[in-house]
C-alpha atoms as a PDB file:
ATOM      1  CA  MET A   1      -0.535  55.041   3.274  1.00  0.00           C
ATOM      2  CA  PRO A   2      -3.824  56.887   3.858  1.00  0.00           C
ATOM      3  CA  GLU A   3      -4.808  57.308   7.474  1.00  0.00           C
ATOM      4  CA  LYS A   4      -7.538  54.918   8.563  1.00  0.00           C
ATOM      5  CA  ASP A   5     -10.935  56.393   9.375  1.00  0.00           C
ATOM      6  CA  SER A   6     -11.491  56.837  13.090  1.00  0.00           C
ATOM      7  CA  VAL A   7     -13.823  54.282  14.676  1.00  0.00           C
ATOM      8  CA  PRO A   8     -16.982  55.754  16.278  1.00  0.00           C
ATOM      9  CA  VAL A   9     -17.161  55.203  20.045  1.00  0.00           C
ATOM     10  CA  ARG A  10     -20.974  55.330  20.145  1.00  0.00           C
ATOM     11  CA  GLU A  11     -23.194  54.071  17.336  1.00  0.00           C
ATOM     12  CA  PRO A  12     -25.902  51.471  16.713  1.00  0.00           C
ATOM     13  CA  ARG A  13     -25.017  48.552  14.461  1.00  0.00           C
ATOM     14  CA  ILE A  14     -27.226  45.799  13.073  1.00  0.00           C
ATOM     15  CA  ASP A  15     -26.072  42.197  12.791  1.00  0.00           C
ATOM     16  CA  PRO A  16     -26.377  41.479   9.041  1.00  0.00           C
ATOM     17  CA  VAL A  17     -27.754  37.960   9.539  1.00  0.00           C
ATOM     18  CA  LEU A  18     -29.703  37.951  12.809  1.00  0.00           C
ATOM     19  CA  GLY A  19     -30.857  41.553  12.702  1.00  0.00           C
ATOM     20  CA  THR A  20     -29.784  42.099  16.307  1.00  0.00           C
ATOM     21  CA  THR A  21     -29.257  45.743  17.278  1.00  0.00           C
ATOM     22  CA  VAL A  22     -25.969  46.322  19.138  1.00  0.00           C
ATOM     23  CA  HIS A  23     -25.043  49.749  20.459  1.00  0.00           C
ATOM     24  CA  ILE A  24     -21.263  50.233  20.327  1.00  0.00           C
ATOM     25  CA  VAL A  25     -20.525  52.428  23.364  1.00  0.00           C
ATOM     26  CA  GLY A  26     -16.748  52.632  23.693  1.00  0.00           C
ATOM     27  CA  GLY A  27     -16.980  55.986  25.462  1.00  0.00           C
ATOM     28  CA  ARG A  28     -18.549  54.321  28.525  1.00  0.00           C
ATOM     29  CA  GLN A  29     -15.269  52.558  29.331  1.00  0.00           C
ATOM     30  CA  THR A  30     -14.189  55.675  31.229  1.00  0.00           C
ATOM     31  CA  ARG A  31     -17.213  55.896  33.536  1.00  0.00           C
ATOM     32  CA  PRO A  32     -16.540  55.582  37.298  1.00  0.00           C
ATOM     33  CA  ASN A  33     -16.600  52.114  38.834  1.00  0.00           C
ATOM     34  CA  LEU A  34     -16.619  52.363  42.632  1.00  0.00           C
ATOM     35  CA  PRO A  35     -16.340  49.298  44.923  1.00  0.00           C
ATOM     36  CA  ASP A  36     -19.357  48.256  47.011  1.00  0.00           C
ATOM     37  CA  ASN A  37     -17.663  49.474  50.190  1.00  0.00           C
ATOM     38  CA  HIS A  38     -16.873  52.957  48.891  1.00  0.00           C
ATOM     39  CA  SER A  39     -17.603  55.761  51.359  1.00  0.00           C
ATOM     40  CA  THR A  40     -20.134  58.561  51.116  1.00  0.00           C
ATOM     41  CA  SER A  41     -17.256  61.033  50.847  1.00  0.00           C
ATOM     42  CA  ASP A  42     -16.370  59.809  47.339  1.00  0.00           C
ATOM     43  CA  CYS A  43     -19.908  58.960  46.168  1.00  0.00           C
ATOM     44  CA  PRO A  44     -21.144  61.307  43.409  1.00  0.00           C
ATOM     45  CA  PHE A  45     -24.782  60.538  44.300  1.00  0.00           C
ATOM     46  CA  CYS A  46     -24.649  61.512  47.982  1.00  0.00           C
ATOM     47  CA  VAL A  47     -25.710  65.045  48.953  1.00  0.00           C
ATOM     48  CA  GLY A  48     -22.795  67.367  48.208  1.00  0.00           C
ATOM     49  CA  GLY A  49     -21.390  64.979  45.612  1.00  0.00           C
ATOM     50  CA  LEU A  50     -20.754  65.746  41.960  1.00  0.00           C
ATOM     51  CA  GLU A  51     -24.260  64.851  40.796  1.00  0.00           C
ATOM     52  CA  ALA A  52     -26.191  65.970  43.896  1.00  0.00           C
ATOM     53  CA  PRO A  53     -24.781  69.272  45.168  1.00  0.00           C
ATOM     54  CA  GLU A  54     -28.058  70.176  46.946  1.00  0.00           C
ATOM     55  CA  PRO A  55     -30.304  68.197  49.346  1.00  0.00           C
ATOM     56  CA  TYR A  56     -32.943  66.036  47.619  1.00  0.00           C
ATOM     57  CA  ASP A  57     -35.539  63.315  48.172  1.00  0.00           C
ATOM     58  CA  THR A  58     -35.373  61.994  44.605  1.00  0.00           C
ATOM     59  CA  ARG A  59     -33.358  63.478  41.771  1.00  0.00           C
ATOM     60  CA  TRP A  60     -32.687  63.028  38.058  1.00  0.00           C
ATOM     61  CA  PHE A  61     -29.886  64.235  35.810  1.00  0.00           C
ATOM     62  CA  VAL A  62     -28.466  63.538  32.370  1.00  0.00           C
ATOM     63  CA  ASN A  63     -25.893  60.734  32.376  1.00  0.00           C
ATOM     64  CA  ARG A  64     -22.332  62.007  31.835  1.00  0.00           C
ATOM     65  CA  TRP A  65     -21.434  58.684  30.173  1.00  0.00           C
ATOM     66  CA  PRO A  66     -24.474  58.073  27.950  1.00  0.00           C
ATOM     67  CA  ALA A  67     -25.040  54.968  25.872  1.00  0.00           C
ATOM     68  CA  MET A  68     -26.778  57.069  23.207  1.00  0.00           C
ATOM     69  CA  HIS A  69     -26.387  60.577  21.788  1.00  0.00           C
ATOM     70  CA  GLY A  70     -28.705  63.509  22.408  1.00  0.00           C
ATOM     71  CA  ASP A  71     -29.335  63.518  26.174  1.00  0.00           C
ATOM     72  CA  ARG A  72     -31.279  60.256  25.840  1.00  0.00           C
ATOM     73  CA  CYS A  73     -29.838  58.677  28.998  1.00  0.00           C
ATOM     74  CA  GLU A  74     -30.724  59.830  32.512  1.00  0.00           C
ATOM     75  CA  VAL A  75     -29.914  58.720  36.049  1.00  0.00           C
ATOM     76  CA  ILE A  76     -32.607  58.533  38.753  1.00  0.00           C
ATOM     77  CA  LEU A  77     -31.505  58.819  42.392  1.00  0.00           C
ATOM     78  CA  TYR A  78     -33.935  57.011  44.693  1.00  0.00           C
ATOM     79  CA  SER A  79     -32.790  58.453  48.001  1.00  0.00           C
ATOM     80  CA  PRO A  80     -30.033  60.574  49.555  1.00  0.00           C
ATOM     81  CA  GLU A  81     -29.314  57.650  51.930  1.00  0.00           C
ATOM     82  CA  HIS A  82     -26.190  55.938  50.617  1.00  0.00           C
ATOM     83  CA  ASP A  83     -26.831  52.565  52.295  1.00  0.00           C
ATOM     84  CA  ALA A  84     -30.538  52.380  51.478  1.00  0.00           C
ATOM     85  CA  SER A  85     -32.036  49.881  49.058  1.00  0.00           C
ATOM     86  CA  PHE A  86     -35.135  50.270  46.949  1.00  0.00           C
ATOM     87  CA  ALA A  87     -37.136  48.034  49.305  1.00  0.00           C
ATOM     88  CA  SER A  88     -35.889  49.810  52.444  1.00  0.00           C
ATOM     89  CA  LEU A  89     -37.454  53.084  51.253  1.00  0.00           C
ATOM     90  CA  GLY A  90     -40.899  51.718  52.127  1.00  0.00           C
ATOM     91  CA  ALA A  91     -44.038  52.437  50.128  1.00  0.00           C
ATOM     92  CA  ASP A  92     -43.780  56.212  50.625  1.00  0.00           C
ATOM     93  CA  GLY A  93     -40.221  56.356  49.319  1.00  0.00           C
ATOM     94  CA  VAL A  94     -40.919  54.006  46.415  1.00  0.00           C
ATOM     95  CA  ALA A  95     -44.002  56.063  45.501  1.00  0.00           C
ATOM     96  CA  ARG A  96     -41.793  59.150  45.140  1.00  0.00           C
ATOM     97  CA  VAL A  97     -39.547  57.220  42.747  1.00  0.00           C
ATOM     98  CA  ILE A  98     -42.545  56.022  40.718  1.00  0.00           C
ATOM     99  CA  ASP A  99     -43.760  59.617  40.442  1.00  0.00           C
ATOM    100  CA  LEU A 100     -40.363  60.652  39.078  1.00  0.00           C
ATOM    101  CA  TRP A 101     -40.311  57.679  36.684  1.00  0.00           C
ATOM    102  CA  ALA A 102     -43.695  58.765  35.320  1.00  0.00           C
ATOM    103  CA  GLU A 103     -42.664  62.424  35.045  1.00  0.00           C
ATOM    104  CA  ARG A 104     -39.426  61.714  33.173  1.00  0.00           C
ATOM    105  CA  THR A 105     -41.082  59.117  30.923  1.00  0.00           C
ATOM    106  CA  GLU A 106     -43.597  61.673  29.686  1.00  0.00           C
ATOM    107  CA  ALA A 107     -40.998  64.450  29.374  1.00  0.00           C
ATOM    108  CA  LEU A 108     -38.696  62.274  27.254  1.00  0.00           C
ATOM    109  CA  GLY A 109     -41.582  60.769  25.292  1.00  0.00           C
ATOM    110  CA  ALA A 110     -42.757  64.245  24.305  1.00  0.00           C
ATOM    111  CA  ARG A 111     -39.607  64.676  22.221  1.00  0.00           C
ATOM    112  CA  PRO A 112     -40.185  64.223  18.470  1.00  0.00           C
ATOM    113  CA  ASP A 113     -37.125  61.965  18.232  1.00  0.00           C
ATOM    114  CA  VAL A 114     -38.244  59.508  20.962  1.00  0.00           C
ATOM    115  CA  GLU A 115     -40.489  56.466  20.375  1.00  0.00           C
ATOM    116  CA  PHE A 116     -39.826  54.383  23.496  1.00  0.00           C
ATOM    117  CA  VAL A 117     -38.699  55.069  27.056  1.00  0.00           C
ATOM    118  CA  LEU A 118     -37.191  52.319  29.219  1.00  0.00           C
ATOM    119  CA  VAL A 119     -36.899  52.775  32.993  1.00  0.00           C
ATOM    120  CA  PHE A 120     -34.535  50.265  34.597  1.00  0.00           C
ATOM    121  CA  GLU A 121     -32.271  49.396  37.539  1.00  0.00           C
ATOM    122  CA  ASN A 122     -29.248  47.109  37.915  1.00  0.00           C
ATOM    123  CA  ARG A 123     -28.543  46.177  41.537  1.00  0.00           C
ATOM    124  CA  GLY A 124     -25.296  44.543  42.554  1.00  0.00           C
ATOM    125  CA  ALA A 125     -21.774  44.549  41.191  1.00  0.00           C
ATOM    126  CA  SER A 126     -22.270  41.079  39.708  1.00  0.00           C
ATOM    127  CA  ILE A 127     -25.084  42.512  37.563  1.00  0.00           C
ATOM    128  CA  GLY A 128     -22.956  45.437  36.430  1.00  0.00           C
ATOM    129  CA  ALA A 129     -23.883  48.258  38.807  1.00  0.00           C
ATOM    130  CA  THR A 130     -20.827  50.517  39.081  1.00  0.00           C
ATOM    131  CA  ILE A 131     -22.003  52.637  42.057  1.00  0.00           C
ATOM    132  CA  SER A 132     -23.826  51.100  45.021  1.00  0.00           C
ATOM    133  CA  HIS A 133     -25.853  54.191  46.002  1.00  0.00           C
ATOM    134  CA  PRO A 134     -29.529  53.335  45.264  1.00  0.00           C
ATOM    135  CA  HIS A 135     -30.315  54.534  41.765  1.00  0.00           C
ATOM    136  CA  GLY A 136     -31.713  53.564  38.392  1.00  0.00           C
ATOM    137  CA  GLN A 137     -31.579  54.828  34.838  1.00  0.00           C
ATOM    138  CA  ILE A 138     -33.764  55.791  31.894  1.00  0.00           C
ATOM    139  CA  TYR A 139     -32.988  55.307  28.199  1.00  0.00           C
ATOM    140  CA  ALA A 140     -35.024  57.092  25.511  1.00  0.00           C
ATOM    141  CA  TYR A 141     -34.899  55.279  22.146  1.00  0.00           C
ATOM    142  CA  ASP A 142     -35.563  56.735  18.715  1.00  0.00           C
ATOM    143  CA  HIS A 143     -37.236  53.414  17.823  1.00  0.00           C
ATOM    144  CA  VAL A 144     -39.171  50.663  19.576  1.00  0.00           C
ATOM    145  CA  PRO A 145     -36.755  47.799  20.371  1.00  0.00           C
ATOM    146  CA  GLU A 146     -37.760  44.409  19.002  1.00  0.00           C
ATOM    147  CA  ARG A 147     -38.466  42.778  22.384  1.00  0.00           C
ATOM    148  CA  SER A 148     -40.578  45.742  23.484  1.00  0.00           C
ATOM    149  CA  ASN A 149     -42.386  45.626  20.153  1.00  0.00           C
ATOM    150  CA  ARG A 150     -43.378  42.002  20.764  1.00  0.00           C
ATOM    151  CA  LEU A 151     -44.345  42.549  24.412  1.00  0.00           C
ATOM    152  CA  LEU A 152     -46.357  45.718  23.953  1.00  0.00           C
ATOM    153  CA  GLY A 153     -47.782  45.364  20.453  1.00  0.00           C
ATOM    154  CA  PRO A 154     -51.024  43.668  19.371  1.00  0.00           C
ATOM    155  CA  ASN A 155     -51.490  40.254  21.017  1.00  0.00           C
ATOM    156  CA  GLY A 156     -48.657  41.136  23.391  1.00  0.00           C
ATOM    157  CA  TRP A 157     -48.084  40.554  27.086  1.00  0.00           C
ATOM    158  CA  LYS A 158     -50.967  40.165  29.556  1.00  0.00           C
ATOM    159  CA  PRO A 159     -50.973  39.042  33.215  1.00  0.00           C
ATOM    160  CA  SER A 160     -50.923  35.288  33.760  1.00  0.00           C
ATOM    161  CA  VAL A 161     -54.252  33.582  34.427  1.00  0.00           C
ATOM    162  CA  ASP A 162     -52.523  30.636  36.136  1.00  0.00           C
ATOM    163  CA  ASP A 163     -53.208  30.886  39.875  1.00  0.00           C
ATOM    164  CA  ARG A 164     -50.164  28.692  40.579  1.00  0.00           C
ATOM    165  CA  LEU A 165     -47.877  31.477  39.323  1.00  0.00           C
ATOM    166  CA  GLU A 166     -49.431  34.379  41.233  1.00  0.00           C
ATOM    167  CA  PHE A 167     -47.949  35.051  44.676  1.00  0.00           C
ATOM    168  CA  ALA A 168     -49.073  38.532  45.778  1.00  0.00           C
ATOM    169  CA  ARG A 169     -51.813  41.051  44.989  1.00  0.00           C
ATOM    170  CA  ASN A 170     -53.566  44.096  46.360  1.00  0.00           C
ATOM    171  CA  ASP A 171     -56.538  46.197  45.237  1.00  0.00           C
ATOM    172  CA  THR A 172     -55.127  47.122  41.824  1.00  0.00           C
ATOM    173  CA  MET A 173     -51.820  45.242  41.328  1.00  0.00           C
ATOM    174  CA  VAL A 174     -50.705  41.621  40.990  1.00  0.00           C
ATOM    175  CA  ALA A 175     -47.291  39.910  41.201  1.00  0.00           C
ATOM    176  CA  ALA A 176     -46.558  36.588  39.506  1.00  0.00           C
ATOM    177  CA  VAL A 177     -43.800  34.387  38.136  1.00  0.00           C
ATOM    178  CA  PRO A 178     -43.789  34.150  34.303  1.00  0.00           C
ATOM    179  CA  PRO A 179     -44.552  30.670  32.909  1.00  0.00           C
ATOM    180  CA  ALA A 180     -41.305  30.284  30.907  1.00  0.00           C
ATOM    181  CA  PRO A 181     -38.594  32.482  32.450  1.00  0.00           C
ATOM    182  CA  VAL A 182     -35.042  32.538  31.132  1.00  0.00           C
ATOM    183  CA  TYR A 183     -33.663  33.476  34.570  1.00  0.00           C
ATOM    184  CA  PRO A 184     -34.024  31.270  37.667  1.00  0.00           C
ATOM    185  CA  VAL A 185     -35.644  34.151  39.561  1.00  0.00           C
ATOM    186  CA  ALA A 186     -38.160  36.138  37.540  1.00  0.00           C
ATOM    187  CA  VAL A 187     -41.292  38.030  38.558  1.00  0.00           C
ATOM    188  CA  THR A 188     -43.720  40.454  36.950  1.00  0.00           C
ATOM    189  CA  ILE A 189     -45.771  43.184  38.621  1.00  0.00           C
ATOM    190  CA  SER A 190     -48.685  44.724  36.761  1.00  0.00           C
ATOM    191  CA  PRO A 191     -52.050  46.427  37.109  1.00  0.00           C
ATOM    192  CA  ARG A 192     -54.911  43.942  37.274  1.00  0.00           C
ATOM    193  CA  THR A 193     -56.710  45.915  34.550  1.00  0.00           C
ATOM    194  CA  ARG A 194     -54.943  47.244  31.467  1.00  0.00           C
ATOM    195  CA  VAL A 195     -53.015  50.510  31.807  1.00  0.00           C
ATOM    196  CA  GLY A 196     -50.475  51.648  29.242  1.00  0.00           C
ATOM    197  CA  ARG A 197     -48.023  53.839  31.143  1.00  0.00           C
ATOM    198  CA  LEU A 198     -47.123  54.886  34.683  1.00  0.00           C
ATOM    199  CA  SER A 199     -48.553  58.360  34.082  1.00  0.00           C
ATOM    200  CA  GLU A 200     -52.007  56.814  33.586  1.00  0.00           C
ATOM    201  CA  LEU A 201     -52.115  55.324  37.092  1.00  0.00           C
ATOM    202  CA  ASP A 202     -54.288  57.316  39.505  1.00  0.00           C
ATOM    203  CA  PRO A 203     -52.859  58.136  42.983  1.00  0.00           C
ATOM    204  CA  PRO A 204     -54.352  55.052  44.739  1.00  0.00           C
ATOM    205  CA  SER A 205     -52.993  52.772  41.997  1.00  0.00           C
ATOM    206  CA  ARG A 206     -49.544  54.353  42.218  1.00  0.00           C
ATOM    207  CA  ARG A 207     -49.627  53.757  45.957  1.00  0.00           C
ATOM    208  CA  ASP A 208     -50.643  50.125  45.355  1.00  0.00           C
ATOM    209  CA  LEU A 209     -47.772  49.740  42.882  1.00  0.00           C
ATOM    210  CA  ALA A 210     -45.319  51.188  45.411  1.00  0.00           C
ATOM    211  CA  SER A 211     -46.630  48.873  48.116  1.00  0.00           C
ATOM    212  CA  ILE A 212     -46.448  45.668  46.064  1.00  0.00           C
ATOM    213  CA  LEU A 213     -43.052  46.591  44.603  1.00  0.00           C
ATOM    214  CA  THR A 214     -41.704  47.100  48.126  1.00  0.00           C
ATOM    215  CA  ASP A 215     -43.251  43.783  49.151  1.00  0.00           C
ATOM    216  CA  VAL A 216     -41.805  41.851  46.189  1.00  0.00           C
ATOM    217  CA  LEU A 217     -38.278  43.262  46.555  1.00  0.00           C
ATOM    218  CA  ALA A 218     -38.262  42.378  50.248  1.00  0.00           C
ATOM    219  CA  ARG A 219     -39.437  38.836  49.487  1.00  0.00           C
ATOM    220  CA  LEU A 220     -36.670  38.439  46.918  1.00  0.00           C
ATOM    221  CA  ASP A 221     -34.065  39.342  49.539  1.00  0.00           C
ATOM    222  CA  ARG A 222     -35.617  36.790  51.905  1.00  0.00           C
ATOM    223  CA  LEU A 223     -35.694  34.130  49.192  1.00  0.00           C
ATOM    224  CA  HIS A 224     -32.007  33.296  49.765  1.00  0.00           C
ATOM    225  CA  ASP A 225     -31.542  35.191  53.063  1.00  0.00           C
ATOM    226  CA  ALA A 226     -29.182  37.576  51.285  1.00  0.00           C
ATOM    227  CA  THR A 227     -29.152  40.790  49.287  1.00  0.00           C
ATOM    228  CA  ILE A 228     -30.013  39.404  45.894  1.00  0.00           C
ATOM    229  CA  PRO A 229     -28.595  41.009  42.734  1.00  0.00           C
ATOM    230  CA  TYR A 230     -31.312  41.844  40.251  1.00  0.00           C
ATOM    231  CA  MET A 231     -32.277  43.626  37.064  1.00  0.00           C
ATOM    232  CA  LEU A 232     -35.551  45.572  37.033  1.00  0.00           C
ATOM    233  CA  TRP A 233     -37.221  47.323  34.136  1.00  0.00           C
ATOM    234  CA  VAL A 234     -40.580  48.898  33.315  1.00  0.00           C
ATOM    235  CA  ASN A 235     -42.420  47.959  30.118  1.00  0.00           C
ATOM    236  CA  GLN A 236     -44.662  50.890  29.141  1.00  0.00           C
ATOM    237  CA  ARG A 237     -46.672  51.800  26.049  1.00  0.00           C
ATOM    238  CA  PRO A 238     -44.358  53.290  23.411  1.00  0.00           C
ATOM    239  CA  PHE A 239     -44.870  56.793  22.046  1.00  0.00           C
ATOM    240  CA  ALA A 240     -45.082  55.430  18.497  1.00  0.00           C
ATOM    241  CA  PRO A 241     -48.513  54.602  17.019  1.00  0.00           C
ATOM    242  CA  GLY A 242     -49.916  51.071  17.015  1.00  0.00           C
ATOM    243  CA  PHE A 243     -49.590  50.169  20.692  1.00  0.00           C
ATOM    244  CA  ASP A 244     -53.095  50.818  22.024  1.00  0.00           C
ATOM    245  CA  ASP A 245     -53.249  47.373  23.667  1.00  0.00           C
ATOM    246  CA  ALA A 246     -49.957  47.712  25.602  1.00  0.00           C
ATOM    247  CA  TRP A 247     -50.168  46.518  29.227  1.00  0.00           C
ATOM    248  CA  LEU A 248     -47.838  48.217  31.698  1.00  0.00           C
ATOM    249  CA  HIS A 249     -45.725  45.767  33.695  1.00  0.00           C
ATOM    250  CA  ILE A 250     -42.492  45.621  35.655  1.00  0.00           C
ATOM    251  CA  GLU A 251     -40.074  42.722  35.225  1.00  0.00           C
ATOM    252  CA  ILE A 252     -37.512  41.768  37.884  1.00  0.00           C
ATOM    253  CA  VAL A 253     -34.981  38.993  37.246  1.00  0.00           C
ATOM    254  CA  SER A 254     -31.958  37.603  39.060  1.00  0.00           C
ATOM    255  CA  PRO A 255     -29.334  35.073  37.920  1.00  0.00           C
ATOM    256  CA  TRP A 256     -29.184  33.466  41.396  1.00  0.00           C
ATOM    257  CA  ARG A 257     -30.431  29.873  41.603  1.00  0.00           C
ATOM    258  CA  ALA A 258     -29.178  29.637  45.201  1.00  0.00           C
ATOM    259  CA  THR A 259     -27.394  31.980  47.615  1.00  0.00           C
ATOM    260  CA  ASN A 260     -24.339  33.451  45.861  1.00  0.00           C
ATOM    261  CA  LEU A 261     -24.696  30.792  43.173  1.00  0.00           C
ATOM    262  CA  PRO A 262     -25.569  32.274  39.788  1.00  0.00           C
ATOM    263  CA  ARG A 263     -26.886  30.278  36.870  1.00  0.00           C
ATOM    264  CA  TYR A 264     -24.745  31.213  33.909  1.00  0.00           C
ATOM    265  CA  ILE A 265     -26.233  31.330  30.438  1.00  0.00           C
ATOM    266  CA  ALA A 266     -24.287  28.574  28.664  1.00  0.00           C
ATOM    267  CA  ALA A 267     -23.014  27.993  25.133  1.00  0.00           C
ATOM    268  CA  ALA A 268     -25.912  25.819  23.988  1.00  0.00           C
ATOM    269  CA  GLU A 269     -28.362  28.497  25.123  1.00  0.00           C
ATOM    270  CA  VAL A 270     -26.568  31.444  23.553  1.00  0.00           C
ATOM    271  CA  GLY A 271     -25.785  29.486  20.402  1.00  0.00           C
ATOM    272  CA  ALA A 272     -29.291  28.128  19.831  1.00  0.00           C
ATOM    273  CA  GLY A 273     -31.334  30.872  21.458  1.00  0.00           C
ATOM    274  CA  GLU A 274     -33.194  28.335  23.628  1.00  0.00           C
ATOM    275  CA  TYR A 275     -32.774  28.205  27.393  1.00  0.00           C
ATOM    276  CA  PHE A 276     -32.708  25.622  30.186  1.00  0.00           C
ATOM    277  CA  ASN A 277     -33.942  26.837  33.587  1.00  0.00           C
ATOM    278  CA  PRO A 278     -33.342  24.571  36.627  1.00  0.00           C
ATOM    279  CA  VAL A 279     -35.927  26.429  38.752  1.00  0.00           C
ATOM    280  CA  VAL A 280     -39.568  25.400  38.269  1.00  0.00           C
ATOM    281  CA  PRO A 281     -41.692  28.578  37.977  1.00  0.00           C
ATOM    282  CA  GLU A 282     -44.607  27.180  40.001  1.00  0.00           C
ATOM    283  CA  GLU A 283     -42.228  26.194  42.812  1.00  0.00           C
ATOM    284  CA  LEU A 284     -40.650  29.661  42.842  1.00  0.00           C
ATOM    285  CA  ALA A 285     -44.115  31.245  43.055  1.00  0.00           C
ATOM    286  CA  ALA A 286     -45.017  28.998  45.982  1.00  0.00           C
ATOM    287  CA  ARG A 287     -41.788  29.883  47.810  1.00  0.00           C
ATOM    288  CA  LEU A 288     -42.375  33.611  47.313  1.00  0.00           C
ATOM    289  CA  ALA A 289     -45.966  33.265  48.472  1.00  0.00           C
ATOM    290  CA  ASN A 290     -44.877  31.430  51.610  1.00  0.00           C
ATOM    291  CA  LEU A 291     -42.444  34.180  52.561  1.00  0.00           C
ATOM    292  CA  GLY A 292     -45.452  36.101  53.862  1.00  0.00           C
ATOM    293  CA  ASP A 293     -46.586  39.680  53.684  1.00  0.00           C
ATOM    294  CA  TYR A 294     -44.238  42.574  54.112  1.00  0.00           C
ATOM    295  CA  SER A 295     -45.306  45.619  56.127  1.00  0.00           C
ATOM    296  CA  ALA A 296     -44.536  48.574  53.860  1.00  0.00           C
END
């Protein structure tokens, strides 16, 4: 019998009916998965570790277990402090991360084979983070993903005008709960006037973004008096044409509907593509507003 063709371990596939893009990434099965209580001595992101041999404040490097070919996946280290969190860095520390996000976004976007750059973070083992040292990632796509296309294209996302959903603001930034979130905890952070990408923010606006991001992350941890697992990502103007109206914004979501009690996406929701959220967005916004200011 002829030998069967080998199966690729990393390739994009398209669902023939729904059109959903699925990246098959079998090679990532071998990436390290360290427990939350692992020590600094075996952490590859601590100074002297595999990925950080020299002292650093922030650092980036190409992911050894990429989800896509061609050095399209990078890791961003927020701090050399193993037990830090994004919020604990304060506005100064978060500002340094934002600067690196902006720098790497533009560097990757300058490639002729890149149309969209996604900056993101997964915090918590229940979300899928495999190493607890504070870090995020960047993926550079050779196309604009469908969700990003809808959010950032003509007639796309803009900040909410419903005062009941807004819970924090400063001179240039605003934080709000979206009106129809899939997740029980969901917030957006954005400039109050349209800006397309992080690189377009002037220094005062970057500082305002760092301050409100620190504030929001601290409020989320106080929401359930616990370290909340979350997913964070940055929606920025793609590098493909046709996105002049894109509005930069950060989304943060968590599956928790109460302390250590996640809301699972159920069969009816996955099967029909319509969702049932037990948390009222206006009530979540009020709770976050009542948690008070955070001194960054």
